N, C-alpha and C. Protein backbone atom coordinates (compact mmCIF):
# COMPACT_ATOMS: atom_id res chain seq x y z
N UNK A 1 67.95 101.15 127.39
CA UNK A 1 68.49 102.01 127.45
C UNK A 1 68.51 102.09 129.37
N UNK A 2 69.33 102.88 129.65
CA UNK A 2 69.69 102.68 130.99
C UNK A 2 68.63 103.20 132.21
N UNK A 3 68.08 102.77 133.22
CA UNK A 3 67.15 103.26 134.10
C UNK A 3 67.62 104.43 134.54
N UNK A 4 66.89 105.79 134.43
CA UNK A 4 67.55 106.90 135.06
C UNK A 4 67.95 108.01 133.88
N UNK A 5 68.14 107.50 132.63
CA UNK A 5 68.57 108.35 131.33
C UNK A 5 67.36 108.87 130.95
N UNK A 6 67.52 110.00 130.42
CA UNK A 6 66.62 110.44 129.56
C UNK A 6 66.20 109.50 128.47
N UNK A 7 65.12 109.99 127.90
CA UNK A 7 64.72 109.43 126.84
C UNK A 7 65.58 108.97 125.30
N UNK A 8 65.50 108.20 124.66
CA UNK A 8 66.15 108.34 123.30
C UNK A 8 65.65 109.38 122.79
N UNK A 9 66.50 109.67 121.61
CA UNK A 9 65.71 110.41 120.41
C UNK A 9 65.62 112.05 120.85
N UNK A 10 66.41 112.31 121.76
CA UNK A 10 66.70 113.84 122.52
C UNK A 10 67.02 114.71 121.27
N UNK A 11 66.68 115.68 121.31
CA UNK A 11 66.79 117.23 120.74
C UNK A 11 68.16 117.36 120.38
N UNK A 12 68.45 118.14 119.40
CA UNK A 12 69.97 118.53 119.42
C UNK A 12 70.34 119.80 120.29
N UNK A 13 71.31 119.87 120.78
CA UNK A 13 71.47 120.86 121.91
C UNK A 13 70.78 120.62 123.42
N UNK A 14 70.20 119.43 123.65
CA UNK A 14 69.46 119.18 125.05
C UNK A 14 70.77 118.76 126.02
N UNK A 15 71.67 118.35 125.63
CA UNK A 15 72.37 117.64 126.22
C UNK A 15 72.14 116.74 127.58
N UNK A 16 71.44 115.85 126.74
CA UNK A 16 70.75 114.40 127.22
C UNK A 16 72.32 113.49 127.40
N UNK A 17 72.15 112.28 128.62
CA UNK A 17 73.21 111.57 128.59
C UNK A 17 73.27 110.44 127.48
N UNK A 18 74.68 109.95 127.34
CA UNK A 18 74.74 109.32 126.32
C UNK A 18 75.41 108.03 127.15
N UNK A 19 74.57 106.84 127.11
CA UNK A 19 74.94 105.69 128.05
C UNK A 19 75.56 104.47 127.37
N UNK A 20 76.48 103.66 127.92
CA UNK A 20 76.51 103.59 128.99
C UNK A 20 78.09 104.37 129.58
N UNK A 21 78.38 105.41 129.01
CA UNK A 21 79.78 106.11 129.30
C UNK A 21 79.15 107.21 130.09
N UNK A 22 77.87 108.03 129.94
CA UNK A 22 77.52 108.76 130.65
C UNK A 22 78.48 109.97 130.17
N UNK A 23 78.34 110.27 129.01
CA UNK A 23 78.65 111.73 128.16
C UNK A 23 77.69 112.51 128.00
N UNK A 24 77.81 113.71 127.74
CA UNK A 24 76.72 114.40 127.33
C UNK A 24 76.90 114.50 125.83
N UNK A 25 75.41 114.36 125.38
CA UNK A 25 75.33 113.94 123.84
C UNK A 25 75.24 115.19 122.86
N UNK A 26 75.60 116.26 123.24
CA UNK A 26 75.84 117.45 122.83
C UNK A 26 77.40 118.05 122.74
N UNK A 27 77.85 118.46 123.86
CA UNK A 27 79.62 118.61 124.06
C UNK A 27 80.42 117.53 124.54
N UNK A 28 80.05 116.60 124.85
CA UNK A 28 80.91 115.27 125.27
C UNK A 28 81.43 115.31 126.54
N UNK A 29 81.05 116.31 127.32
CA UNK A 29 81.61 116.24 128.47
C UNK A 29 80.90 115.46 129.20
N UNK A 30 81.52 114.89 130.65
CA UNK A 30 80.56 114.13 131.68
C UNK A 30 79.47 114.59 132.13
N UNK A 31 78.38 113.78 132.09
CA UNK A 31 77.27 114.36 132.31
C UNK A 31 76.80 113.88 133.59
N UNK A 32 76.34 115.07 134.07
CA UNK A 32 75.52 116.14 133.57
C UNK A 32 76.65 117.37 133.34
N UNK A 33 76.64 117.71 132.16
CA UNK A 33 77.62 118.89 131.97
C UNK A 33 77.17 120.23 132.56
N UNK A 34 77.90 121.30 132.32
CA UNK A 34 77.52 122.34 133.09
C UNK A 34 76.51 123.08 132.53
N UNK A 35 76.17 123.01 131.27
CA UNK A 35 75.07 123.38 130.50
C UNK A 35 73.76 122.75 130.98
N UNK A 36 73.78 121.49 131.20
CA UNK A 36 72.95 120.93 131.70
C UNK A 36 72.59 120.94 133.06
N UNK A 37 73.36 121.34 134.24
CA UNK A 37 73.27 121.83 135.41
C UNK A 37 72.32 122.84 135.62
N UNK A 38 73.15 123.54 134.73
CA UNK A 38 72.46 125.10 134.46
C UNK A 38 70.75 125.08 134.27
N UNK A 39 70.63 124.10 133.72
CA UNK A 39 69.22 124.04 133.09
C UNK A 39 68.56 123.39 133.85
N UNK A 40 68.83 121.78 134.38
CA UNK A 40 68.04 121.48 135.66
C UNK A 40 67.63 122.53 136.72
N UNK A 41 68.87 123.07 137.22
CA UNK A 41 68.48 123.99 138.40
C UNK A 41 67.47 125.21 137.98
N UNK A 42 67.25 125.36 136.86
CA UNK A 42 66.44 126.47 136.34
C UNK A 42 65.02 125.55 136.53
N UNK A 43 64.96 124.25 135.52
CA UNK A 43 63.64 123.27 135.76
C UNK A 43 63.38 123.26 136.78
N UNK A 44 64.30 122.73 138.01
CA UNK A 44 63.81 122.28 139.11
C UNK A 44 63.77 123.24 140.16
N UNK A 45 63.64 124.73 139.98
CA UNK A 45 64.11 125.72 140.99
C UNK A 45 63.02 125.90 142.19
N UNK A 46 61.92 125.47 141.90
CA UNK A 46 61.08 125.19 142.75
C UNK A 46 60.99 123.78 143.71
N UNK A 47 61.30 122.77 142.99
CA UNK A 47 61.37 121.71 143.60
C UNK A 47 62.54 120.95 143.78
N UNK A 48 63.41 121.25 144.40
CA UNK A 48 64.94 120.42 144.57
C UNK A 48 64.66 119.23 144.94
N UNK A 49 64.02 118.53 145.62
CA UNK A 49 63.65 117.26 146.02
C UNK A 49 63.41 116.51 144.90
N UNK A 50 62.76 117.04 143.95
CA UNK A 50 62.42 116.29 142.72
C UNK A 50 63.68 116.14 142.08
N UNK A 51 64.54 117.18 141.96
CA UNK A 51 65.52 117.05 141.38
C UNK A 51 66.78 116.22 141.99
N UNK A 52 66.52 116.38 143.37
CA UNK A 52 67.55 115.24 144.01
C UNK A 52 67.00 113.68 143.48
N UNK A 53 65.88 113.39 143.36
CA UNK A 53 65.24 112.05 143.16
C UNK A 53 65.66 111.75 141.46
N UNK A 54 65.38 112.81 140.85
CA UNK A 54 66.14 112.45 139.49
C UNK A 54 67.37 111.93 139.20
N UNK A 55 67.89 113.00 140.09
CA UNK A 55 69.50 113.17 140.20
C UNK A 55 70.19 111.66 140.66
N UNK A 56 69.43 111.46 141.78
CA UNK A 56 69.64 109.80 142.47
C UNK A 56 69.42 108.80 141.67
N UNK A 57 68.46 108.93 140.59
CA UNK A 57 68.20 107.78 139.63
C UNK A 57 69.09 107.67 138.77
N UNK A 58 69.56 108.68 138.04
CA UNK A 58 70.54 108.73 137.28
C UNK A 58 72.22 108.17 138.08
N UNK A 59 72.26 108.55 139.29
CA UNK A 59 73.54 108.22 140.17
C UNK A 59 73.33 106.57 140.13
N UNK A 60 72.45 106.18 140.45
CA UNK A 60 72.30 104.60 140.86
C UNK A 60 72.56 103.87 139.13
N UNK A 61 71.65 104.48 138.09
CA UNK A 61 72.08 103.65 136.85
C UNK A 61 73.58 103.77 136.72
N UNK A 62 74.15 104.90 136.71
CA UNK A 62 75.67 105.18 136.33
C UNK A 62 76.72 104.45 137.27
N UNK A 63 76.23 104.23 138.39
CA UNK A 63 77.08 103.52 139.30
C UNK A 63 76.99 102.08 138.50
N UNK A 64 75.84 101.39 138.09
CA UNK A 64 75.55 100.06 137.37
C UNK A 64 76.88 100.20 135.94
N UNK A 65 76.62 101.31 135.56
CA UNK A 65 77.40 101.37 134.15
C UNK A 65 78.93 101.76 134.45
N UNK A 66 79.29 102.38 135.32
CA UNK A 66 80.67 103.10 135.62
C UNK A 66 81.07 102.29 136.95
N UNK A 67 81.10 100.98 136.96
CA UNK A 67 81.75 100.17 137.89
C UNK A 67 83.19 100.41 138.54
N UNK A 68 83.93 100.94 137.27
CA UNK A 68 85.29 101.07 137.95
C UNK A 68 85.69 102.64 138.33
N UNK A 69 84.46 103.31 138.53
CA UNK A 69 84.43 104.63 138.88
C UNK A 69 84.54 104.69 140.54
N UNK A 70 85.02 105.58 141.23
CA UNK A 70 85.23 105.62 142.47
C UNK A 70 83.62 106.12 142.89
N UNK A 71 82.87 105.62 143.84
CA UNK A 71 81.27 106.21 143.90
C UNK A 71 81.55 107.34 144.52
N UNK A 72 82.31 107.95 145.35
CA UNK A 72 82.74 109.45 145.98
C UNK A 72 82.56 110.44 144.60
N UNK A 73 83.44 109.81 143.55
CA UNK A 73 83.50 110.83 142.48
C UNK A 73 82.16 110.89 141.61
N UNK A 74 81.33 109.81 141.67
CA UNK A 74 80.19 109.56 141.03
C UNK A 74 79.17 110.60 141.73
N UNK A 75 79.14 110.34 143.20
CA UNK A 75 78.17 111.09 143.97
C UNK A 75 78.41 112.69 143.54
N UNK A 76 79.54 113.21 143.66
CA UNK A 76 80.21 114.49 143.78
C UNK A 76 79.81 114.80 142.21
N UNK A 77 79.70 114.16 141.28
CA UNK A 77 79.57 114.59 139.68
C UNK A 77 78.10 114.58 139.69
N UNK A 78 77.23 113.64 140.14
CA UNK A 78 75.61 113.27 140.03
C UNK A 78 74.78 114.33 140.98
N UNK A 79 75.21 114.67 142.23
CA UNK A 79 74.20 115.33 142.89
C UNK A 79 75.25 116.37 143.99
N UNK A 80 76.60 116.22 144.02
CA UNK A 80 77.08 117.05 144.85
C UNK A 80 77.36 118.58 144.65
N UNK A 81 76.63 118.59 143.27
CA UNK A 81 76.70 120.27 142.91
C UNK A 81 75.64 120.81 143.02
N UNK A 82 74.35 120.11 143.44
CA UNK A 82 73.20 120.86 143.47
C UNK A 82 73.41 121.66 145.14
N UNK A 83 73.01 122.59 144.78
CA UNK A 83 72.86 123.65 146.18
C UNK A 83 71.85 123.46 147.24
N UNK A 84 72.29 123.45 148.36
CA UNK A 84 71.27 123.24 149.25
C UNK A 84 70.20 124.22 149.86
N UNK A 85 69.18 124.03 149.69
CA UNK A 85 68.22 125.31 150.01
C UNK A 85 67.92 125.30 151.25
N UNK A 86 67.52 126.12 152.25
CA UNK A 86 67.47 126.18 153.34
C UNK A 86 66.33 125.44 153.72
N UNK A 87 65.90 124.93 155.10
CA UNK A 87 64.78 124.41 155.26
C UNK A 87 63.87 125.40 156.03
N UNK A 88 62.73 125.43 155.48
CA UNK A 88 61.65 126.23 156.17
C UNK A 88 60.87 125.16 157.24
N UNK A 89 60.65 125.82 157.92
CA UNK A 89 59.64 125.06 159.37
C UNK A 89 58.12 125.65 159.75
């Protein structure tokens, strides 16, 4: 399995990535699909830094697998959709 991808043997409806194409195993859209994005935001709602680290590792793995894809489009796909939370001082 590609590093950064979720463990194989995922449950139906989990919207886990299928590598090396990085499509959603449930709906077939590019991963992370809209459903997975929504679930990730809910799961990491209190720790956006951890979400960014997780998605960054997925981006690194996808960059190796999807060599012909423009890097900027992969960045948008994997981390560009994450809302920025205001910094607290």
